[in-house]
Structures are given as structure tokens and as C-alpha cells.
Amino acid sequence: MAVNQLYKLVGALESTAGSAASATRVLYINEATPSQEVTSIATTTLRGDFFETYEINPGVERNGLNVSGPVLYSQIPFWLEGSVRSGVTPSGTVAPYTWTYSPNSGTANAPKTFTAEWAWQDGGTTIPTYKLAGCATDELSISYVKDEAVTFTATTIAAGTLTLGTAFSASPGDTTQISVLGVGAAVYIDATTIGATADTSVQEATFTLTRGLVRRETLNGTSVAVDTVAPVARQARLEIVRYFTNRNELDKFLLKSERKIRIDVTGPTLGAGTYGFQLDFYGVADTHEIAEVDGVIVANITYRGIVDSSATTDFSIVVKNNLATIS
């Protein structure tokens, strides 16, 4: 189950995948679920009795950390560096700085792994800390609801072992906490030019990126994997709940026409501009189902990402914040 009484979560992007890095930032979340598995190697032999086994040994160790929380302008680039694209340099010489994350078709600027450290406050004099290097984000999801902060969930897996200690590797300072809000989200759905036509019928939306990562487990003389790899193409999906006021999206579903969808959030004033969070998604409706929510007839639509010929990508995310660097 998820653990809410988290004392702190800190992290750092790794220069070399799997090589632990000292914490460079506090990571703000509201729920964490560490996953730790150690398989049991039970050897059974015929002994003329009904006992199951006389020997059980530790086998493969598999670790991960799943988190969720609000999307913060100063925090979300960290998670995008680990799931969409690494090595992004923002544009601008003063705030707002503009961070643009568009995935590559190959392995250049592949998402980085990160080192995570966390602890729970249990009332004891010594707080045990947990450290996991090589965390690779397998799935990132971003959800929009009008009367809430925009939220994210991240599912990570790691090749290495989980270590316990009594202190964090460093004590990074806090960053500015400004949430991306659903009340500021505007949706645009177009056939030709993205961002041209406002669609005021979308009630909720969830973007999900799935990378299909696996641990590469070899006969390397240890109980852990060598690394994590991406053997399959990533998948981008956008699910929306849309008031069924017209059949615009139903017709496009039937024809499998490409839809260019923008969800744009304008935040508070920052310098001569504003904070901002923009998702551009290019896709075709995979499913279109009619449902009822609070007495209102809606369409639950799932769009499957497709490479747009002009944008040369299936999605991109742009963040405007007060940070000139990310680590």
C-alpha cells in the first residue's frame, strides 16, 4: 500500500546510469510506494516424506519506487528529464525560462536515471534512510481535473539493490512551490493547426507515457540486474472525458482522423511573462465510449499517439518556470 507518512524524498539525476549521485533537490510528492522483491529459491528433493523443502535461498532482488503528487512548475522538469528526454537546455536569459521536452525517435538524449533517497518519521531517535540508485521511469501519467491541482504519477524500476542508512547524502534546499492548476487549463482540438480551436466540452484529461522498460538480468554473479533497457517502442496515450454536446470527435473516431490536441495552463505572473505548462498531443481516437457522469452524458475517448508530419513527434511538453538549470 502507499505510504503517506513520508519524512522526505530527495533525489538527483545520474551522470552514469546506476551510479549513485548525491541528492541535489527535494522531490515534493504526497504518496510513495516502494517496491522490493527478493525471490525465494526453494530446492525440493525426494526424501520419502511430505515436507515441502529443507532449503530456501535468496534469489533475484528487484526494486522500484512509485510516487504521485501535484505537478509543480519547478519540479516537473526533473520527472520529464527521466521519462521524455534528457539534456534539455531552457531558452531565455531571465525568468520565465522555457523548457521544451519532445522525445527523440532513437536513443539520443535518452531519459536519465536518478538516485532516490527517502525516509519515514517513526518517532525513533534514528531515522532509517533508504537509497536506490538507477531509478528508471517506466511510466509517467499527468491528470487534469478542473477543481484540483494537476497531478502526476511516476512508476520506476531499478536494476540495483536497495541500501539502508541513517542519513541522507545531502540536504538540498527547497524550491519554489507553485502548482499547475486545473482551473487554468484550456483545451484545443484541431485537424490542421494545433492550438487554433478551443474545445470547452472537455471535463477531464489524462496523458500517459509508457516506456516498456525491463530489467536485464544476466548471469553476472550477483542477485541484481545489470541494467534497465527499453526493448519496445514507447506508447503515448491521451484519455479525455468530453461532454457529448456534438459528434465532432465521434466522426473523427469513425474515420480514424488525426487530432491535434493542446492542453495549455497559464500560471501566475513571472517576470515579464507567466509560469506555463503546455501539453501538445497528436493522435487518433482508439476508443470512443458513451457514459453518464453526474447525470451528464459524456464520451470517454482514448487517443493513441501518432507521429505528426509537421511536428515530427507524437507529443511534446513545454514548461515555463523560474529555473535556469535542472539536476
C-alpha atoms as a PDB file:
ATOM      1  CA  MET A   1       0.000   0.000   0.000  1.00  0.00           C
ATOM      2  CA  ALA A   2       1.038   3.618  -0.435  1.00  0.00           C
ATOM      3  CA  VAL A   3       2.903   5.267   2.430  1.00  0.00           C
ATOM      4  CA  ASN A   4       1.758   8.782   3.298  1.00  0.00           C
ATOM      5  CA  GLN A   5       3.834   9.484   6.435  1.00  0.00           C
ATOM      6  CA  LEU A   6       6.915  10.188   4.377  1.00  0.00           C
ATOM      7  CA  TYR A   7       9.579  12.186   6.142  1.00  0.00           C
ATOM      8  CA  LYS A   8      11.305  13.311   2.979  1.00  0.00           C
ATOM      9  CA  LEU A   9      12.151  12.281  -0.577  1.00  0.00           C
ATOM     10  CA  VAL A  10      15.281  13.674  -2.214  1.00  0.00           C
ATOM     11  CA  GLY A  11      16.940  12.808  -5.494  1.00  0.00           C
ATOM     12  CA  ALA A  12      19.459  13.591  -8.194  1.00  0.00           C
ATOM     13  CA  LEU A  13      19.757  12.866 -11.893  1.00  0.00           C
ATOM     14  CA  GLU A  14      22.650  10.477 -12.570  1.00  0.00           C
ATOM     15  CA  SER A  15      25.532  11.212 -14.923  1.00  0.00           C
ATOM     16  CA  THR A  16      26.082   7.466 -15.324  1.00  0.00           C
ATOM     17  CA  ALA A  17      23.062   5.178 -15.139  1.00  0.00           C
ATOM     18  CA  GLY A  18      23.058   3.199 -11.916  1.00  0.00           C
ATOM     19  CA  SER A  19      25.916   5.162 -10.340  1.00  0.00           C
ATOM     20  CA  ALA A  20      24.540   6.764  -7.174  1.00  0.00           C
ATOM     21  CA  ALA A  21      24.514  10.570  -7.101  1.00  0.00           C
ATOM     22  CA  SER A  22      24.303  12.780  -4.023  1.00  0.00           C
ATOM     23  CA  ALA A  23      20.912  14.441  -3.601  1.00  0.00           C
ATOM     24  CA  THR A  24      20.545  17.772  -5.386  1.00  0.00           C
ATOM     25  CA  ARG A  25      16.860  18.508  -4.797  1.00  0.00           C
ATOM     26  CA  VAL A  26      13.891  17.781  -2.577  1.00  0.00           C
ATOM     27  CA  LEU A  27      11.175  15.979  -4.532  1.00  0.00           C
ATOM     28  CA  TYR A  28       7.688  17.044  -3.486  1.00  0.00           C
ATOM     29  CA  ILE A  29       5.140  14.237  -3.574  1.00  0.00           C
ATOM     30  CA  ASN A  30       2.147  13.221  -1.476  1.00  0.00           C
ATOM     31  CA  GLU A  31       2.290   9.459  -1.861  1.00  0.00           C
ATOM     32  CA  ALA A  32       5.077   6.910  -2.217  1.00  0.00           C
ATOM     33  CA  THR A  33       5.042   3.150  -2.710  1.00  0.00           C
ATOM     34  CA  PRO A  34       8.446   1.479  -2.630  1.00  0.00           C
ATOM     35  CA  SER A  35       8.525  -1.960  -4.216  1.00  0.00           C
ATOM     36  CA  GLN A  36      11.103  -4.504  -3.101  1.00  0.00           C
ATOM     37  CA  GLU A  37      11.083  -8.132  -4.147  1.00  0.00           C
ATOM     38  CA  VAL A  38      13.555 -10.860  -3.262  1.00  0.00           C
ATOM     39  CA  THR A  39      12.591 -14.161  -4.834  1.00  0.00           C
ATOM     40  CA  SER A  40      12.939 -17.419  -2.945  1.00  0.00           C
ATOM     41  CA  ILE A  41      14.886 -20.295  -4.467  1.00  0.00           C
ATOM     42  CA  ALA A  42      13.341 -23.354  -2.841  1.00  0.00           C
ATOM     43  CA  THR A  43      15.038 -26.648  -3.644  1.00  0.00           C
ATOM     44  CA  THR A  44      12.855 -29.736  -3.372  1.00  0.00           C
ATOM     45  CA  THR A  45      14.186 -33.273  -3.208  1.00  0.00           C
ATOM     46  CA  LEU A  46      12.629 -36.716  -2.836  1.00  0.00           C
ATOM     47  CA  ARG A  47      13.134 -37.784   0.778  1.00  0.00           C
ATOM     48  CA  GLY A  48      10.269 -40.145   1.425  1.00  0.00           C
ATOM     49  CA  ASP A  49       8.267 -37.619   3.470  1.00  0.00           C
ATOM     50  CA  PHE A  50       5.688 -34.892   2.992  1.00  0.00           C
ATOM     51  CA  PHE A  51       7.781 -31.875   3.953  1.00  0.00           C
ATOM     52  CA  GLU A  52       7.885 -29.320   1.152  1.00  0.00           C
ATOM     53  CA  THR A  53      11.533 -28.377   1.354  1.00  0.00           C
ATOM     54  CA  TYR A  54      14.623 -28.370   3.551  1.00  0.00           C
ATOM     55  CA  GLU A  55      16.346 -25.449   1.830  1.00  0.00           C
ATOM     56  CA  ILE A  56      15.303 -21.920   0.801  1.00  0.00           C
ATOM     57  CA  ASN A  57      17.807 -19.361  -0.500  1.00  0.00           C
ATOM     58  CA  PRO A  58      17.539 -15.730  -1.597  1.00  0.00           C
ATOM     59  CA  GLY A  59      17.190 -15.269  -5.340  1.00  0.00           C
ATOM     60  CA  VAL A  60      16.843 -12.217  -7.559  1.00  0.00           C
ATOM     61  CA  GLU A  61      16.297  -8.791  -5.981  1.00  0.00           C
ATOM     62  CA  ARG A  62      14.079  -6.314  -7.828  1.00  0.00           C
ATOM     63  CA  ASN A  63      13.409  -2.767  -6.630  1.00  0.00           C
ATOM     64  CA  GLY A  64      11.394   0.251  -7.643  1.00  0.00           C
ATOM     65  CA  LEU A  65       9.681   3.371  -6.337  1.00  0.00           C
ATOM     66  CA  ASN A  66       6.240   4.588  -7.364  1.00  0.00           C
ATOM     67  CA  VAL A  67       5.231   8.150  -6.484  1.00  0.00           C
ATOM     68  CA  SER A  68       2.416  10.606  -7.069  1.00  0.00           C
ATOM     69  CA  GLY A  69       1.818  14.237  -6.274  1.00  0.00           C
ATOM     70  CA  PRO A  70       1.000  17.685  -7.639  1.00  0.00           C
ATOM     71  CA  VAL A  71       2.622  18.941 -10.818  1.00  0.00           C
ATOM     72  CA  LEU A  72       4.804  21.868  -9.716  1.00  0.00           C
ATOM     73  CA  TYR A  73       6.384  24.231 -12.226  1.00  0.00           C
ATOM     74  CA  SER A  74       9.791  23.919 -10.564  1.00  0.00           C
ATOM     75  CA  GLN A  75       9.617  20.144 -10.130  1.00  0.00           C
ATOM     76  CA  ILE A  76       8.119  18.631 -13.257  1.00  0.00           C
ATOM     77  CA  PRO A  77      11.249  19.122 -15.424  1.00  0.00           C
ATOM     78  CA  PHE A  78      13.045  16.614 -13.160  1.00  0.00           C
ATOM     79  CA  TRP A  79      10.469  13.943 -13.976  1.00  0.00           C
ATOM     80  CA  LEU A  80      10.446  14.848 -17.672  1.00  0.00           C
ATOM     81  CA  GLU A  81      14.253  14.513 -17.818  1.00  0.00           C
ATOM     82  CA  GLY A  82      13.772  10.975 -16.528  1.00  0.00           C
ATOM     83  CA  SER A  83      10.905   9.964 -18.797  1.00  0.00           C
ATOM     84  CA  VAL A  84      10.824  12.010 -22.017  1.00  0.00           C
ATOM     85  CA  ARG A  85      14.223  13.466 -22.854  1.00  0.00           C
ATOM     86  CA  SER A  86      17.437  14.398 -21.053  1.00  0.00           C
ATOM     87  CA  GLY A  87      19.900  17.198 -21.553  1.00  0.00           C
ATOM     88  CA  VAL A  88      17.295  19.853 -22.265  1.00  0.00           C
ATOM     89  CA  THR A  89      18.578  23.428 -22.095  1.00  0.00           C
ATOM     90  CA  PRO A  90      15.960  26.108 -21.460  1.00  0.00           C
ATOM     91  CA  SER A  91      15.544  29.135 -23.687  1.00  0.00           C
ATOM     92  CA  GLY A  92      15.598  32.607 -22.213  1.00  0.00           C
ATOM     93  CA  THR A  93      18.151  34.612 -20.250  1.00  0.00           C
ATOM     94  CA  VAL A  94      15.786  35.601 -17.432  1.00  0.00           C
ATOM     95  CA  ALA A  95      12.663  34.036 -15.976  1.00  0.00           C
ATOM     96  CA  PRO A  96      10.402  32.714 -17.304  1.00  0.00           C
ATOM     97  CA  TYR A  97      12.744  30.080 -18.691  1.00  0.00           C
ATOM     98  CA  THR A  98      11.174  27.792 -21.312  1.00  0.00           C
ATOM     99  CA  TRP A  99      11.868  24.049 -21.127  1.00  0.00           C
ATOM    100  CA  THR A 100      10.754  22.045 -24.184  1.00  0.00           C
ATOM    101  CA  TYR A 101      10.534  18.266 -23.945  1.00  0.00           C
ATOM    102  CA  SER A 102       9.988  16.395 -27.201  1.00  0.00           C
ATOM    103  CA  PRO A 103      11.002  12.723 -27.392  1.00  0.00           C
ATOM    104  CA  ASN A 104      13.542  11.568 -29.956  1.00  0.00           C
ATOM    105  CA  SER A 105      12.895   8.720 -32.362  1.00  0.00           C
ATOM    106  CA  GLY A 106      16.125   6.973 -31.295  1.00  0.00           C
ATOM    107  CA  THR A 107      18.402   6.759 -28.281  1.00  0.00           C
ATOM    108  CA  ALA A 108      19.970  10.236 -28.429  1.00  0.00           C
ATOM    109  CA  ASN A 109      19.220  12.271 -25.298  1.00  0.00           C
ATOM    110  CA  ALA A 110      17.589   9.209 -23.773  1.00  0.00           C
ATOM    111  CA  PRO A 111      15.850   9.846 -20.430  1.00  0.00           C
ATOM    112  CA  LYS A 112      18.181   9.777 -17.441  1.00  0.00           C
ATOM    113  CA  THR A 113      18.057   7.532 -14.415  1.00  0.00           C
ATOM    114  CA  PHE A 114      18.074   9.088 -10.972  1.00  0.00           C
ATOM    115  CA  THR A 115      19.043   8.253  -7.407  1.00  0.00           C
ATOM    116  CA  ALA A 116      16.229   8.395  -4.869  1.00  0.00           C
ATOM    117  CA  GLU A 117      16.568   8.612  -1.099  1.00  0.00           C
ATOM    118  CA  TRP A 118      13.670   8.571   1.334  1.00  0.00           C
ATOM    119  CA  ALA A 119      12.783   8.027   4.971  1.00  0.00           C
ATOM    120  CA  TRP A 120       9.791   7.762   7.275  1.00  0.00           C
ATOM    121  CA  GLN A 121       9.476   9.533  10.585  1.00  0.00           C
ATOM    122  CA  ASP A 122       8.559   6.793  13.051  1.00  0.00           C
ATOM    123  CA  GLY A 123       9.278   8.533  16.338  1.00  0.00           C
ATOM    124  CA  GLY A 124      12.592   6.791  16.917  1.00  0.00           C
ATOM    125  CA  THR A 125      15.865   8.526  17.683  1.00  0.00           C
ATOM    126  CA  THR A 126      17.427   7.223  14.465  1.00  0.00           C
ATOM    127  CA  ILE A 127      15.513   7.621  11.239  1.00  0.00           C
ATOM    128  CA  PRO A 128      16.396   4.853   8.760  1.00  0.00           C
ATOM    129  CA  THR A 129      17.020   6.126   5.240  1.00  0.00           C
ATOM    130  CA  TYR A 130      16.566   4.187   2.032  1.00  0.00           C
ATOM    131  CA  LYS A 131      18.689   4.760  -1.071  1.00  0.00           C
ATOM    132  CA  LEU A 132      18.018   3.403  -4.539  1.00  0.00           C
ATOM    133  CA  ALA A 133      20.260   4.250  -7.481  1.00  0.00           C
ATOM    134  CA  GLY A 134      19.406   3.712 -11.125  1.00  0.00           C
ATOM    135  CA  CYS A 135      15.704   4.543 -10.883  1.00  0.00           C
ATOM    136  CA  ALA A 136      14.315   4.482 -14.420  1.00  0.00           C
ATOM    137  CA  THR A 137      10.853   5.936 -15.029  1.00  0.00           C
ATOM    138  CA  ASP A 138       8.810   3.308 -16.823  1.00  0.00           C
ATOM    139  CA  GLU A 139       5.517   5.195 -16.833  1.00  0.00           C
ATOM    140  CA  LEU A 140       4.563   8.836 -16.328  1.00  0.00           C
ATOM    141  CA  SER A 141       0.967   9.963 -16.108  1.00  0.00           C
ATOM    142  CA  ILE A 142      -0.396  13.537 -15.873  1.00  0.00           C
ATOM    143  CA  SER A 143      -4.038  14.175 -14.965  1.00  0.00           C
ATOM    144  CA  TYR A 144      -6.193  17.296 -15.264  1.00  0.00           C
ATOM    145  CA  VAL A 145      -9.331  17.935 -13.192  1.00  0.00           C
ATOM    146  CA  LYS A 146     -10.846  21.425 -13.026  1.00  0.00           C
ATOM    147  CA  ASP A 147     -11.090  21.923  -9.259  1.00  0.00           C
ATOM    148  CA  GLU A 148      -7.742  20.338  -8.365  1.00  0.00           C
ATOM    149  CA  ALA A 149      -4.041  20.781  -8.861  1.00  0.00           C
ATOM    150  CA  VAL A 150      -2.812  18.922 -11.934  1.00  0.00           C
ATOM    151  CA  THR A 151      -1.281  15.679 -10.661  1.00  0.00           C
ATOM    152  CA  PHE A 152       1.327  13.193 -11.820  1.00  0.00           C
ATOM    153  CA  THR A 153       2.229   9.597 -11.086  1.00  0.00           C
ATOM    154  CA  ALA A 154       5.578   8.008 -11.863  1.00  0.00           C
ATOM    155  CA  THR A 155       6.356   4.295 -11.859  1.00  0.00           C
ATOM    156  CA  THR A 156      10.059   3.497 -11.670  1.00  0.00           C
ATOM    157  CA  ILE A 157      12.141   0.342 -11.739  1.00  0.00           C
ATOM    158  CA  ALA A 158      15.800  -0.102 -10.850  1.00  0.00           C
ATOM    159  CA  ALA A 159      18.442  -2.671 -11.637  1.00  0.00           C
ATOM    160  CA  GLY A 160      20.410  -2.348  -8.410  1.00  0.00           C
ATOM    161  CA  THR A 161      19.936  -3.106  -4.760  1.00  0.00           C
ATOM    162  CA  LEU A 162      18.256  -1.035  -2.075  1.00  0.00           C
ATOM    163  CA  THR A 163      20.590   0.192   0.661  1.00  0.00           C
ATOM    164  CA  LEU A 164      19.737   1.378   4.170  1.00  0.00           C
ATOM    165  CA  GLY A 165      21.480   4.074   6.166  1.00  0.00           C
ATOM    166  CA  THR A 166      20.928   6.665   8.876  1.00  0.00           C
ATOM    167  CA  ALA A 167      21.322   9.935   6.952  1.00  0.00           C
ATOM    168  CA  PHE A 168      20.703  11.477   3.554  1.00  0.00           C
ATOM    169  CA  SER A 169      23.669  12.010   1.250  1.00  0.00           C
ATOM    170  CA  ALA A 170      22.951  15.770   1.206  1.00  0.00           C
ATOM    171  CA  SER A 171      20.388  18.309   2.378  1.00  0.00           C
ATOM    172  CA  PRO A 172      19.256  20.259  -0.695  1.00  0.00           C
ATOM    173  CA  GLY A 173      17.193  23.381  -0.186  1.00  0.00           C
ATOM    174  CA  ASP A 174      13.550  23.802  -1.045  1.00  0.00           C
ATOM    175  CA  THR A 175      12.410  25.064  -4.433  1.00  0.00           C
ATOM    176  CA  THR A 176       9.548  27.441  -5.114  1.00  0.00           C
ATOM    177  CA  GLN A 177       6.290  25.515  -4.744  1.00  0.00           C
ATOM    178  CA  ILE A 178       3.747  26.724  -7.283  1.00  0.00           C
ATOM    179  CA  SER A 179       1.226  24.164  -8.513  1.00  0.00           C
ATOM    180  CA  VAL A 180      -0.151  23.774 -12.018  1.00  0.00           C
ATOM    181  CA  LEU A 181      -3.909  24.200 -11.542  1.00  0.00           C
ATOM    182  CA  GLY A 182      -6.804  22.607 -13.362  1.00  0.00           C
ATOM    183  CA  VAL A 183      -8.791  25.849 -13.267  1.00  0.00           C
ATOM    184  CA  GLY A 184      -6.181  27.366 -15.554  1.00  0.00           C
ATOM    185  CA  ALA A 185      -6.292  24.582 -18.156  1.00  0.00           C
ATOM    186  CA  ALA A 186      -7.684  25.317 -21.621  1.00  0.00           C
ATOM    187  CA  VAL A 187      -8.155  22.589 -24.261  1.00  0.00           C
ATOM    188  CA  TYR A 188      -7.803  22.988 -28.012  1.00  0.00           C
ATOM    189  CA  ILE A 189      -8.640  20.287 -30.579  1.00  0.00           C
ATOM    190  CA  ASP A 190      -7.768  20.783 -34.233  1.00  0.00           C
ATOM    191  CA  ALA A 191      -7.295  18.965 -37.520  1.00  0.00           C
ATOM    192  CA  THR A 192      -4.681  21.272 -39.046  1.00  0.00           C
ATOM    193  CA  THR A 193      -3.094  23.878 -36.763  1.00  0.00           C
ATOM    194  CA  ILE A 194      -2.701  22.901 -33.127  1.00  0.00           C
ATOM    195  CA  GLY A 195      -3.972  25.443 -30.628  1.00  0.00           C
ATOM    196  CA  ALA A 196      -6.330  27.204 -33.048  1.00  0.00           C
ATOM    197  CA  THR A 197      -9.740  25.928 -31.918  1.00  0.00           C
ATOM    198  CA  ALA A 198     -10.812  25.968 -28.277  1.00  0.00           C
ATOM    199  CA  ASP A 199     -12.885  22.988 -27.135  1.00  0.00           C
ATOM    200  CA  THR A 200     -14.841  23.875 -23.997  1.00  0.00           C
ATOM    201  CA  SER A 201     -16.502  20.458 -23.683  1.00  0.00           C
ATOM    202  CA  VAL A 202     -13.570  18.520 -22.182  1.00  0.00           C
ATOM    203  CA  GLN A 203     -14.129  17.847 -18.464  1.00  0.00           C
ATOM    204  CA  GLU A 204     -11.065  15.774 -17.564  1.00  0.00           C
ATOM    205  CA  ALA A 205      -7.902  14.563 -19.270  1.00  0.00           C
ATOM    206  CA  THR A 206      -5.079  12.141 -18.534  1.00  0.00           C
ATOM    207  CA  PHE A 207      -1.850  11.811 -20.506  1.00  0.00           C
ATOM    208  CA  THR A 208       0.164   8.607 -20.072  1.00  0.00           C
ATOM    209  CA  LEU A 209       3.613   7.765 -21.385  1.00  0.00           C
ATOM    210  CA  THR A 210       4.648   4.114 -21.129  1.00  0.00           C
ATOM    211  CA  ARG A 211       8.234   3.209 -21.984  1.00  0.00           C
ATOM    212  CA  GLY A 212       8.057  -0.597 -21.614  1.00  0.00           C
ATOM    213  CA  LEU A 213      11.269  -0.905 -19.589  1.00  0.00           C
ATOM    214  CA  VAL A 214      12.600  -4.255 -18.405  1.00  0.00           C
ATOM    215  CA  ARG A 215      15.470  -5.288 -16.158  1.00  0.00           C
ATOM    216  CA  ARG A 216      18.294  -7.057 -17.981  1.00  0.00           C
ATOM    217  CA  GLU A 217      19.074  -9.984 -15.729  1.00  0.00           C
ATOM    218  CA  THR A 218      22.213 -11.914 -16.650  1.00  0.00           C
ATOM    219  CA  LEU A 219      24.495 -14.467 -15.021  1.00  0.00           C
ATOM    220  CA  ASN A 220      26.705 -11.772 -13.529  1.00  0.00           C
ATOM    221  CA  GLY A 221      27.441 -13.325 -10.149  1.00  0.00           C
ATOM    222  CA  THR A 222      25.020 -11.074  -8.245  1.00  0.00           C
ATOM    223  CA  SER A 223      21.374 -11.081  -7.206  1.00  0.00           C
ATOM    224  CA  VAL A 224      20.523  -7.930  -9.187  1.00  0.00           C
ATOM    225  CA  ALA A 225      20.112  -6.998 -12.852  1.00  0.00           C
ATOM    226  CA  VAL A 226      22.855  -5.458 -14.963  1.00  0.00           C
ATOM    227  CA  ASP A 227      20.712  -2.510 -16.053  1.00  0.00           C
ATOM    228  CA  THR A 228      17.297  -1.498 -17.384  1.00  0.00           C
ATOM    229  CA  VAL A 229      16.595  -1.403 -21.100  1.00  0.00           C
ATOM    230  CA  ALA A 230      13.786  -0.312 -23.435  1.00  0.00           C
ATOM    231  CA  PRO A 231      13.221  -3.202 -25.869  1.00  0.00           C
ATOM    232  CA  VAL A 232       9.961  -1.880 -27.328  1.00  0.00           C
ATOM    233  CA  ALA A 233       8.587   1.375 -28.690  1.00  0.00           C
ATOM    234  CA  ARG A 234       7.180   3.752 -26.102  1.00  0.00           C
ATOM    235  CA  GLN A 235       3.430   4.379 -26.057  1.00  0.00           C
ATOM    236  CA  ALA A 236       1.739   7.756 -25.666  1.00  0.00           C
ATOM    237  CA  ARG A 237      -1.962   7.914 -24.797  1.00  0.00           C
ATOM    238  CA  LEU A 238      -4.394  10.714 -24.023  1.00  0.00           C
ATOM    239  CA  GLU A 239      -7.716   9.983 -22.375  1.00  0.00           C
ATOM    240  CA  ILE A 240     -10.378  12.671 -22.169  1.00  0.00           C
ATOM    241  CA  VAL A 241     -13.867  12.882 -20.732  1.00  0.00           C
ATOM    242  CA  ARG A 242     -15.839  15.120 -23.102  1.00  0.00           C
ATOM    243  CA  TYR A 243     -19.380  16.405 -22.745  1.00  0.00           C
ATOM    244  CA  PHE A 244     -21.303  14.770 -25.613  1.00  0.00           C
ATOM    245  CA  THR A 245     -22.673  18.028 -26.975  1.00  0.00           C
ATOM    246  CA  ASN A 246     -21.829  17.232 -30.605  1.00  0.00           C
ATOM    247  CA  ARG A 247     -20.438  14.385 -32.691  1.00  0.00           C
ATOM    248  CA  ASN A 248     -17.207  16.107 -33.708  1.00  0.00           C
ATOM    249  CA  GLU A 249     -14.933  13.559 -32.048  1.00  0.00           C
ATOM    250  CA  LEU A 250     -17.228  10.624 -32.817  1.00  0.00           C
ATOM    251  CA  ASP A 251     -16.937  11.320 -36.548  1.00  0.00           C
ATOM    252  CA  LYS A 252     -13.162  11.591 -36.278  1.00  0.00           C
ATOM    253  CA  PHE A 253     -13.107   8.309 -34.343  1.00  0.00           C
ATOM    254  CA  LEU A 254     -15.044   6.560 -37.090  1.00  0.00           C
ATOM    255  CA  LEU A 255     -12.748   7.936 -39.789  1.00  0.00           C
ATOM    256  CA  LYS A 256      -9.561   7.482 -37.699  1.00  0.00           C
ATOM    257  CA  SER A 257      -8.587  11.059 -38.446  1.00  0.00           C
ATOM    258  CA  GLU A 258      -5.619  12.628 -36.701  1.00  0.00           C
ATOM    259  CA  ARG A 259      -6.477  15.055 -33.906  1.00  0.00           C
ATOM    260  CA  LYS A 260      -4.076  17.725 -32.699  1.00  0.00           C
ATOM    261  CA  ILE A 261      -4.825  18.386 -29.044  1.00  0.00           C
ATOM    262  CA  ARG A 262      -3.311  21.067 -26.833  1.00  0.00           C
ATOM    263  CA  ILE A 263      -3.863  21.415 -23.083  1.00  0.00           C
ATOM    264  CA  ASP A 264      -2.454  24.766 -22.031  1.00  0.00           C
ATOM    265  CA  VAL A 265      -2.196  26.014 -18.451  1.00  0.00           C
ATOM    266  CA  THR A 266      -1.250  29.611 -17.734  1.00  0.00           C
ATOM    267  CA  GLY A 267       0.114  30.185 -14.264  1.00  0.00           C
ATOM    268  CA  PRO A 268       0.934  33.231 -12.123  1.00  0.00           C
ATOM    269  CA  THR A 269       2.986  36.178 -13.323  1.00  0.00           C
ATOM    270  CA  LEU A 270       6.710  35.536 -13.531  1.00  0.00           C
ATOM    271  CA  GLY A 271       8.975  38.390 -14.559  1.00  0.00           C
ATOM    272  CA  ALA A 272       7.736  39.830 -17.814  1.00  0.00           C
ATOM    273  CA  GLY A 273       5.709  36.674 -18.519  1.00  0.00           C
ATOM    274  CA  THR A 274       3.961  33.881 -16.649  1.00  0.00           C
ATOM    275  CA  TYR A 275       4.519  30.362 -15.440  1.00  0.00           C
ATOM    276  CA  GLY A 276       3.207  27.882 -18.003  1.00  0.00           C
ATOM    277  CA  PHE A 277       2.600  24.195 -18.653  1.00  0.00           C
ATOM    278  CA  GLN A 278       1.601  23.044 -22.144  1.00  0.00           C
ATOM    279  CA  LEU A 279       0.970  19.557 -23.492  1.00  0.00           C
ATOM    280  CA  ASP A 280       0.723  19.053 -27.252  1.00  0.00           C
ATOM    281  CA  PHE A 281      -0.567  15.643 -28.313  1.00  0.00           C
ATOM    282  CA  TYR A 282      -1.068  14.197 -31.788  1.00  0.00           C
ATOM    283  CA  GLY A 283      -3.238  11.110 -32.013  1.00  0.00           C
ATOM    284  CA  VAL A 284      -6.098   9.092 -33.404  1.00  0.00           C
ATOM    285  CA  ALA A 285      -9.092   8.049 -31.315  1.00  0.00           C
ATOM    286  CA  ASP A 286      -8.648   4.394 -30.451  1.00  0.00           C
ATOM    287  CA  THR A 287     -11.861   4.073 -28.443  1.00  0.00           C
ATOM    288  CA  HIS A 288     -14.980   6.215 -28.061  1.00  0.00           C
ATOM    289  CA  GLU A 289     -17.452   5.137 -25.387  1.00  0.00           C
ATOM    290  CA  ILE A 290     -20.618   6.881 -24.200  1.00  0.00           C
ATOM    291  CA  ALA A 291     -21.119   7.112 -20.436  1.00  0.00           C
ATOM    292  CA  GLU A 292     -23.009   9.066 -17.792  1.00  0.00           C
ATOM    293  CA  VAL A 293     -21.268  11.182 -15.149  1.00  0.00           C
ATOM    294  CA  ASP A 294     -23.382  13.023 -12.568  1.00  0.00           C
ATOM    295  CA  GLY A 295     -26.366  12.861 -14.909  1.00  0.00           C
ATOM    296  CA  VAL A 296     -24.409  14.272 -17.835  1.00  0.00           C
ATOM    297  CA  ILE A 297     -23.822  12.244 -20.997  1.00  0.00           C
ATOM    298  CA  VAL A 298     -20.130  12.173 -21.859  1.00  0.00           C
ATOM    299  CA  ALA A 299     -17.789  10.420 -24.245  1.00  0.00           C
ATOM    300  CA  ASN A 300     -14.762   8.663 -22.802  1.00  0.00           C
ATOM    301  CA  ILE A 301     -12.203   8.901 -25.600  1.00  0.00           C
ATOM    302  CA  THR A 302      -8.736   7.386 -25.712  1.00  0.00           C
ATOM    303  CA  TYR A 303      -6.352   8.780 -28.312  1.00  0.00           C
ATOM    304  CA  ARG A 304      -3.370   6.766 -29.469  1.00  0.00           C
ATOM    305  CA  GLY A 305      -0.242   8.760 -30.253  1.00  0.00           C
ATOM    306  CA  ILE A 306       0.788   9.133 -33.894  1.00  0.00           C
ATOM    307  CA  VAL A 307       3.763  10.951 -35.375  1.00  0.00           C
ATOM    308  CA  ASP A 308       2.551  14.217 -36.862  1.00  0.00           C
ATOM    309  CA  SER A 309       4.230  15.017 -40.162  1.00  0.00           C
ATOM    310  CA  SER A 310       4.732  18.685 -39.270  1.00  0.00           C
ATOM    311  CA  ALA A 311       5.677  18.337 -35.615  1.00  0.00           C
ATOM    312  CA  THR A 312       7.717  15.131 -36.285  1.00  0.00           C
ATOM    313  CA  THR A 313       6.649  13.785 -32.905  1.00  0.00           C
ATOM    314  CA  ASP A 314       3.592  12.346 -31.194  1.00  0.00           C
ATOM    315  CA  PHE A 315       3.710  14.709 -28.215  1.00  0.00           C
ATOM    316  CA  SER A 316       5.690  17.474 -26.556  1.00  0.00           C
ATOM    317  CA  ILE A 317       5.585  19.261 -23.211  1.00  0.00           C
ATOM    318  CA  VAL A 318       6.660  22.850 -22.599  1.00  0.00           C
ATOM    319  CA  VAL A 319       7.278  24.200 -19.090  1.00  0.00           C
ATOM    320  CA  LYS A 320       7.856  27.848 -18.193  1.00  0.00           C
ATOM    321  CA  ASN A 321       9.340  28.403 -14.755  1.00  0.00           C
ATOM    322  CA  ASN A 322      11.946  30.234 -12.699  1.00  0.00           C
ATOM    323  CA  LEU A 323      14.753  27.659 -13.087  1.00  0.00           C
ATOM    324  CA  ALA A 324      17.747  28.140 -15.373  1.00  0.00           C
ATOM    325  CA  THR A 325      19.149  24.662 -14.588  1.00  0.00           C
ATOM    326  CA  ILE A 326      17.891  21.266 -13.505  1.00  0.00           C
ATOM    327  CA  SER A 327      19.727  18.438 -11.720  1.00  0.00           C
END
